[in-house]
């Protein structure tokens, strides 16, 4: 039996791992969302949207902008102005392919 079978412990571990992921993404502002989407099929916006959707499913009020601000550690607009460069055609093509693959994941 593993500690992950205890729902309360598993949820605490998952929450801690998520917080660590947010810290990592905030520190790695050199990694563009288009690259995260292209290679991993998700980006910072997705994480914020998922937070919003889970809150909504639980009957909690958390709008998308506030959820994304939580993920970015600042507003999305501020992050884009500080860190986001223009996407290359290759990045956009890879992202489009990845989004198509995401349809099978839902």
N, C-alpha and C. Protein backbone atom coordinates (compact mmCIF):
# COMPACT_ATOMS: atom_id res chain seq x y z
N UNK A 1 0.85 -1.19 0.00
CA UNK A 1 0.00 0.00 0.00
C UNK A 1 0.89 1.24 0.00
N UNK A 2 0.55 2.18 -0.83
CA UNK A 2 1.30 3.42 -0.95
C UNK A 2 0.55 4.57 -0.28
N UNK A 3 1.27 5.59 0.10
CA UNK A 3 0.61 6.74 0.73
C UNK A 3 -0.33 7.44 -0.25
N UNK A 4 -0.17 7.19 -1.54
CA UNK A 4 -1.03 7.83 -2.53
C UNK A 4 -2.44 7.26 -2.54
N UNK A 5 -2.68 6.18 -1.83
CA UNK A 5 -4.03 5.64 -1.73
C UNK A 5 -4.85 6.39 -0.68
N UNK A 6 -4.20 7.16 0.17
CA UNK A 6 -4.89 8.00 1.15
C UNK A 6 -5.24 9.30 0.44
N UNK A 7 -6.54 9.53 0.21
CA UNK A 7 -6.97 10.69 -0.58
C UNK A 7 -6.48 12.01 -0.02
N UNK A 8 -6.53 12.19 1.29
CA UNK A 8 -6.10 13.46 1.89
C UNK A 8 -4.61 13.70 1.67
N UNK A 9 -3.81 12.67 1.85
CA UNK A 9 -2.36 12.79 1.64
C UNK A 9 -2.07 13.03 0.16
N UNK A 10 -2.73 12.28 -0.70
CA UNK A 10 -2.52 12.45 -2.15
C UNK A 10 -2.86 13.86 -2.58
N UNK A 11 -3.98 14.40 -2.11
CA UNK A 11 -4.36 15.76 -2.48
C UNK A 11 -3.35 16.78 -1.97
N UNK A 12 -2.83 16.59 -0.76
CA UNK A 12 -1.80 17.50 -0.23
C UNK A 12 -0.54 17.43 -1.08
N UNK A 13 -0.13 16.23 -1.46
CA UNK A 13 1.06 16.06 -2.30
C UNK A 13 0.85 16.67 -3.69
N UNK A 14 -0.31 16.43 -4.27
CA UNK A 14 -0.61 17.01 -5.59
C UNK A 14 -0.63 18.53 -5.53
N UNK A 15 -1.21 19.09 -4.48
CA UNK A 15 -1.24 20.54 -4.34
C UNK A 15 0.17 21.11 -4.19
N UNK A 16 1.00 20.44 -3.42
CA UNK A 16 2.39 20.89 -3.25
C UNK A 16 3.14 20.81 -4.57
N UNK A 17 2.92 19.73 -5.33
CA UNK A 17 3.58 19.59 -6.62
C UNK A 17 3.09 20.66 -7.59
N UNK A 18 1.82 21.01 -7.54
CA UNK A 18 1.28 22.06 -8.40
C UNK A 18 1.90 23.41 -8.05
N UNK A 19 2.01 23.70 -6.75
CA UNK A 19 2.65 24.96 -6.33
C UNK A 19 4.10 25.00 -6.82
N UNK A 20 4.76 23.87 -6.76
CA UNK A 20 6.15 23.80 -7.24
C UNK A 20 6.21 24.04 -8.75
N UNK A 21 5.25 23.49 -9.50
CA UNK A 21 5.18 23.72 -10.94
C UNK A 21 4.98 25.21 -11.23
N UNK A 22 4.09 25.88 -10.48
CA UNK A 22 3.88 27.30 -10.68
C UNK A 22 5.16 28.09 -10.43
N UNK A 23 5.86 27.78 -9.36
CA UNK A 23 7.13 28.45 -9.07
C UNK A 23 8.12 28.23 -10.21
N UNK A 24 8.20 27.00 -10.67
CA UNK A 24 9.10 26.67 -11.77
C UNK A 24 8.77 27.49 -13.02
N UNK A 25 7.48 27.54 -13.39
CA UNK A 25 7.08 28.28 -14.59
C UNK A 25 7.30 29.78 -14.43
N UNK A 26 7.12 30.30 -13.23
CA UNK A 26 7.37 31.73 -13.00
C UNK A 26 8.85 32.04 -13.13
N UNK A 27 9.70 31.13 -12.68
CA UNK A 27 11.14 31.35 -12.76
C UNK A 27 11.67 31.10 -14.17
N UNK A 28 10.97 30.29 -14.96
CA UNK A 28 11.41 29.98 -16.32
C UNK A 28 10.59 30.78 -17.33
N UNK A 29 10.62 32.09 -17.18
CA UNK A 29 9.89 32.96 -18.11
C UNK A 29 10.49 32.91 -19.50
N UNK A 30 11.68 32.32 -19.63
CA UNK A 30 12.28 32.16 -20.96
C UNK A 30 11.55 31.12 -21.79
N UNK A 31 10.78 30.26 -21.14
CA UNK A 31 10.01 29.24 -21.86
C UNK A 31 8.67 29.85 -22.25
N UNK A 32 8.48 29.97 -23.55
CA UNK A 32 7.28 30.61 -24.07
C UNK A 32 6.08 29.66 -24.00
N UNK A 33 4.89 30.25 -23.86
CA UNK A 33 3.66 29.45 -23.85
C UNK A 33 3.50 28.66 -25.14
N UNK A 34 3.88 29.26 -26.27
CA UNK A 34 3.74 28.57 -27.55
C UNK A 34 4.59 27.30 -27.57
N UNK A 35 5.74 27.32 -26.89
CA UNK A 35 6.57 26.12 -26.81
C UNK A 35 5.97 25.09 -25.86
N UNK A 36 5.44 25.55 -24.73
CA UNK A 36 4.77 24.63 -23.81
C UNK A 36 3.61 23.94 -24.53
N UNK A 37 2.83 24.72 -25.28
CA UNK A 37 1.70 24.15 -26.01
C UNK A 37 2.18 23.20 -27.10
N UNK A 38 3.23 23.61 -27.81
CA UNK A 38 3.72 22.81 -28.92
C UNK A 38 4.28 21.47 -28.49
N UNK A 39 4.99 21.46 -27.40
CA UNK A 39 5.64 20.22 -26.95
C UNK A 39 4.82 19.45 -25.92
N UNK A 40 4.12 20.17 -25.02
CA UNK A 40 3.42 19.50 -23.93
C UNK A 40 1.91 19.48 -24.04
N UNK A 41 1.36 20.31 -24.93
CA UNK A 41 -0.08 20.33 -25.09
C UNK A 41 -0.81 21.15 -24.04
N UNK A 42 -0.07 21.93 -23.25
CA UNK A 42 -0.68 22.83 -22.27
C UNK A 42 0.28 24.00 -22.04
N UNK A 43 -0.25 25.07 -21.48
CA UNK A 43 0.59 26.23 -21.17
C UNK A 43 0.09 26.88 -19.89
N UNK A 44 0.65 28.01 -19.59
CA UNK A 44 0.25 28.75 -18.38
C UNK A 44 -1.24 29.10 -18.44
N UNK A 45 -1.70 29.51 -19.62
CA UNK A 45 -3.12 29.84 -19.76
C UNK A 45 -4.00 28.64 -19.45
N UNK A 46 -3.59 27.48 -19.93
CA UNK A 46 -4.36 26.25 -19.67
C UNK A 46 -4.46 26.00 -18.17
N UNK A 47 -3.35 26.14 -17.47
CA UNK A 47 -3.38 25.90 -16.02
C UNK A 47 -4.36 26.86 -15.34
N UNK A 48 -4.33 28.12 -15.73
CA UNK A 48 -5.27 29.09 -15.18
C UNK A 48 -6.71 28.73 -15.52
N UNK A 49 -6.92 28.34 -16.77
CA UNK A 49 -8.28 27.95 -17.18
C UNK A 49 -8.75 26.72 -16.42
N UNK A 50 -7.86 25.76 -16.20
CA UNK A 50 -8.22 24.56 -15.45
C UNK A 50 -8.59 24.92 -14.01
N UNK A 51 -7.84 25.85 -13.40
CA UNK A 51 -8.20 26.31 -12.05
C UNK A 51 -9.60 26.91 -12.05
N UNK A 52 -9.85 27.77 -13.02
CA UNK A 52 -11.17 28.40 -13.14
C UNK A 52 -12.26 27.35 -13.29
N UNK A 53 -12.06 26.38 -14.18
CA UNK A 53 -13.07 25.35 -14.43
C UNK A 53 -13.31 24.49 -13.20
N UNK A 54 -12.26 24.12 -12.48
CA UNK A 54 -12.43 23.30 -11.28
C UNK A 54 -13.14 24.09 -10.19
N UNK A 55 -12.82 25.37 -10.06
CA UNK A 55 -13.52 26.21 -9.08
C UNK A 55 -15.00 26.29 -9.43
N UNK A 56 -15.28 26.50 -10.71
CA UNK A 56 -16.67 26.59 -11.16
C UNK A 56 -17.41 25.28 -10.87
N UNK A 57 -16.76 24.15 -11.12
CA UNK A 57 -17.38 22.84 -10.86
C UNK A 57 -17.68 22.64 -9.38
N UNK A 58 -16.90 23.30 -8.52
CA UNK A 58 -17.11 23.19 -7.08
C UNK A 58 -18.03 24.28 -6.55
N UNK A 59 -18.56 25.11 -7.45
CA UNK A 59 -19.45 26.18 -7.04
C UNK A 59 -18.72 27.37 -6.43
N UNK A 60 -17.44 27.52 -6.75
CA UNK A 60 -16.64 28.60 -6.22
C UNK A 60 -16.44 29.68 -7.28
N UNK A 61 -16.36 30.93 -6.83
CA UNK A 61 -16.19 32.04 -7.76
C UNK A 61 -14.71 32.32 -7.98
N UNK A 62 -14.22 32.00 -9.17
CA UNK A 62 -12.85 32.32 -9.57
C UNK A 62 -12.89 32.54 -11.07
N UNK A 63 -12.75 33.82 -11.49
CA UNK A 63 -12.82 34.08 -12.92
C UNK A 63 -11.49 33.73 -13.59
N UNK A 64 -11.53 33.63 -14.92
CA UNK A 64 -10.35 33.20 -15.67
C UNK A 64 -9.18 34.16 -15.47
N UNK A 65 -9.44 35.45 -15.48
CA UNK A 65 -8.34 36.42 -15.32
C UNK A 65 -7.65 36.25 -13.97
N UNK A 66 -8.42 36.09 -12.91
CA UNK A 66 -7.82 35.90 -11.59
C UNK A 66 -7.05 34.58 -11.51
N UNK A 67 -7.59 33.54 -12.13
CA UNK A 67 -6.91 32.24 -12.13
C UNK A 67 -5.60 32.33 -12.90
N UNK A 68 -5.62 32.99 -14.05
CA UNK A 68 -4.39 33.14 -14.83
C UNK A 68 -3.38 34.01 -14.10
N UNK A 69 -3.84 35.05 -13.43
CA UNK A 69 -2.93 35.89 -12.63
C UNK A 69 -2.26 35.05 -11.56
N UNK A 70 -2.99 34.15 -10.96
CA UNK A 70 -2.41 33.27 -9.95
C UNK A 70 -1.30 32.42 -10.56
N UNK A 71 -1.54 31.88 -11.74
CA UNK A 71 -0.54 31.04 -12.40
C UNK A 71 0.69 31.85 -12.79
N UNK A 72 0.48 32.99 -13.42
CA UNK A 72 1.59 33.81 -13.89
C UNK A 72 2.35 34.51 -12.75
N UNK A 73 1.67 34.77 -11.65
CA UNK A 73 2.28 35.57 -10.58
C UNK A 73 2.19 37.05 -10.88
N UNK A 74 1.47 37.41 -11.90
CA UNK A 74 1.20 38.78 -12.34
C UNK A 74 0.09 38.67 -13.39
N UNK A 75 -0.42 39.79 -13.87
CA UNK A 75 -1.45 39.68 -14.90
C UNK A 75 -0.84 39.08 -16.16
N UNK A 76 -1.69 38.46 -16.95
CA UNK A 76 -1.23 37.87 -18.19
C UNK A 76 -0.64 38.95 -19.11
N UNK A 77 -1.28 40.11 -19.15
CA UNK A 77 -0.77 41.20 -19.99
C UNK A 77 0.61 41.67 -19.55
N UNK A 78 0.81 41.76 -18.25
CA UNK A 78 2.12 42.16 -17.74
C UNK A 78 3.18 41.12 -18.09
N UNK A 79 2.84 39.85 -17.94
CA UNK A 79 3.79 38.79 -18.28
C UNK A 79 4.16 38.85 -19.75
N UNK A 80 3.14 39.02 -20.62
CA UNK A 80 3.39 39.08 -22.05
C UNK A 80 4.31 40.25 -22.40
N UNK A 81 4.05 41.40 -21.79
CA UNK A 81 4.88 42.57 -22.07
C UNK A 81 6.33 42.36 -21.62
N UNK A 82 6.52 41.67 -20.52
CA UNK A 82 7.87 41.45 -19.99
C UNK A 82 8.62 40.30 -20.68
N UNK A 83 7.90 39.24 -21.04
CA UNK A 83 8.59 38.00 -21.40
C UNK A 83 8.25 37.40 -22.76
N UNK A 84 7.13 37.76 -23.35
CA UNK A 84 6.71 37.04 -24.56
C UNK A 84 7.24 37.72 -25.81
N UNK A 85 7.89 36.91 -26.64
CA UNK A 85 8.34 37.38 -27.94
C UNK A 85 7.42 36.87 -29.02
N UNK A 86 7.65 37.30 -30.24
CA UNK A 86 6.81 36.81 -31.34
C UNK A 86 7.07 35.33 -31.61
N UNK A 87 6.02 34.62 -31.94
CA UNK A 87 6.14 33.19 -32.25
C UNK A 87 6.62 33.01 -33.68
N UNK A 88 7.43 32.00 -33.88
CA UNK A 88 7.91 31.68 -35.23
C UNK A 88 6.87 30.81 -35.93
N UNK A 89 6.91 30.74 -37.24
CA UNK A 89 5.98 29.84 -37.95
C UNK A 89 6.13 28.39 -37.48
N UNK A 90 7.35 27.97 -37.18
CA UNK A 90 7.57 26.59 -36.71
C UNK A 90 6.88 26.36 -35.36
N UNK A 91 7.00 27.33 -34.46
CA UNK A 91 6.34 27.20 -33.15
C UNK A 91 4.82 27.12 -33.33
N UNK A 92 4.28 27.95 -34.19
CA UNK A 92 2.84 27.96 -34.41
C UNK A 92 2.36 26.65 -35.05
N UNK A 93 3.14 26.12 -35.99
CA UNK A 93 2.79 24.83 -36.60
C UNK A 93 2.79 23.71 -35.57
N UNK A 94 3.84 23.68 -34.73
CA UNK A 94 3.95 22.64 -33.70
C UNK A 94 2.79 22.75 -32.71
N UNK A 95 2.42 23.99 -32.35
CA UNK A 95 1.32 24.20 -31.43
C UNK A 95 0.01 23.72 -32.05
N UNK A 96 -0.21 24.00 -33.33
CA UNK A 96 -1.43 23.56 -34.00
C UNK A 96 -1.52 22.04 -34.01
N UNK A 97 -0.41 21.37 -34.28
CA UNK A 97 -0.39 19.91 -34.26
C UNK A 97 -0.69 19.38 -32.85
N UNK A 98 -0.12 20.04 -31.86
CA UNK A 98 -0.34 19.62 -30.48
C UNK A 98 -1.79 19.80 -30.06
N UNK A 99 -2.38 20.92 -30.45
CA UNK A 99 -3.79 21.16 -30.13
C UNK A 99 -4.68 20.10 -30.76
N UNK A 100 -4.35 19.68 -31.97
CA UNK A 100 -5.12 18.62 -32.61
C UNK A 100 -5.00 17.32 -31.82
N UNK A 101 -3.81 17.03 -31.32
CA UNK A 101 -3.61 15.80 -30.51
C UNK A 101 -4.38 15.90 -29.19
N UNK A 102 -4.53 17.12 -28.68
CA UNK A 102 -5.26 17.31 -27.42
C UNK A 102 -6.71 16.85 -27.51
N UNK A 103 -7.27 16.86 -28.68
CA UNK A 103 -8.67 16.46 -28.84
C UNK A 103 -8.89 15.03 -28.36
N UNK A 104 -7.88 14.18 -28.49
CA UNK A 104 -7.98 12.78 -28.05
C UNK A 104 -7.86 12.65 -26.53
N UNK A 105 -7.36 13.68 -25.88
CA UNK A 105 -7.11 13.63 -24.44
C UNK A 105 -8.36 13.98 -23.65
N UNK A 106 -9.22 14.76 -24.18
CA UNK A 106 -10.38 15.28 -23.45
C UNK A 106 -11.29 14.21 -23.06
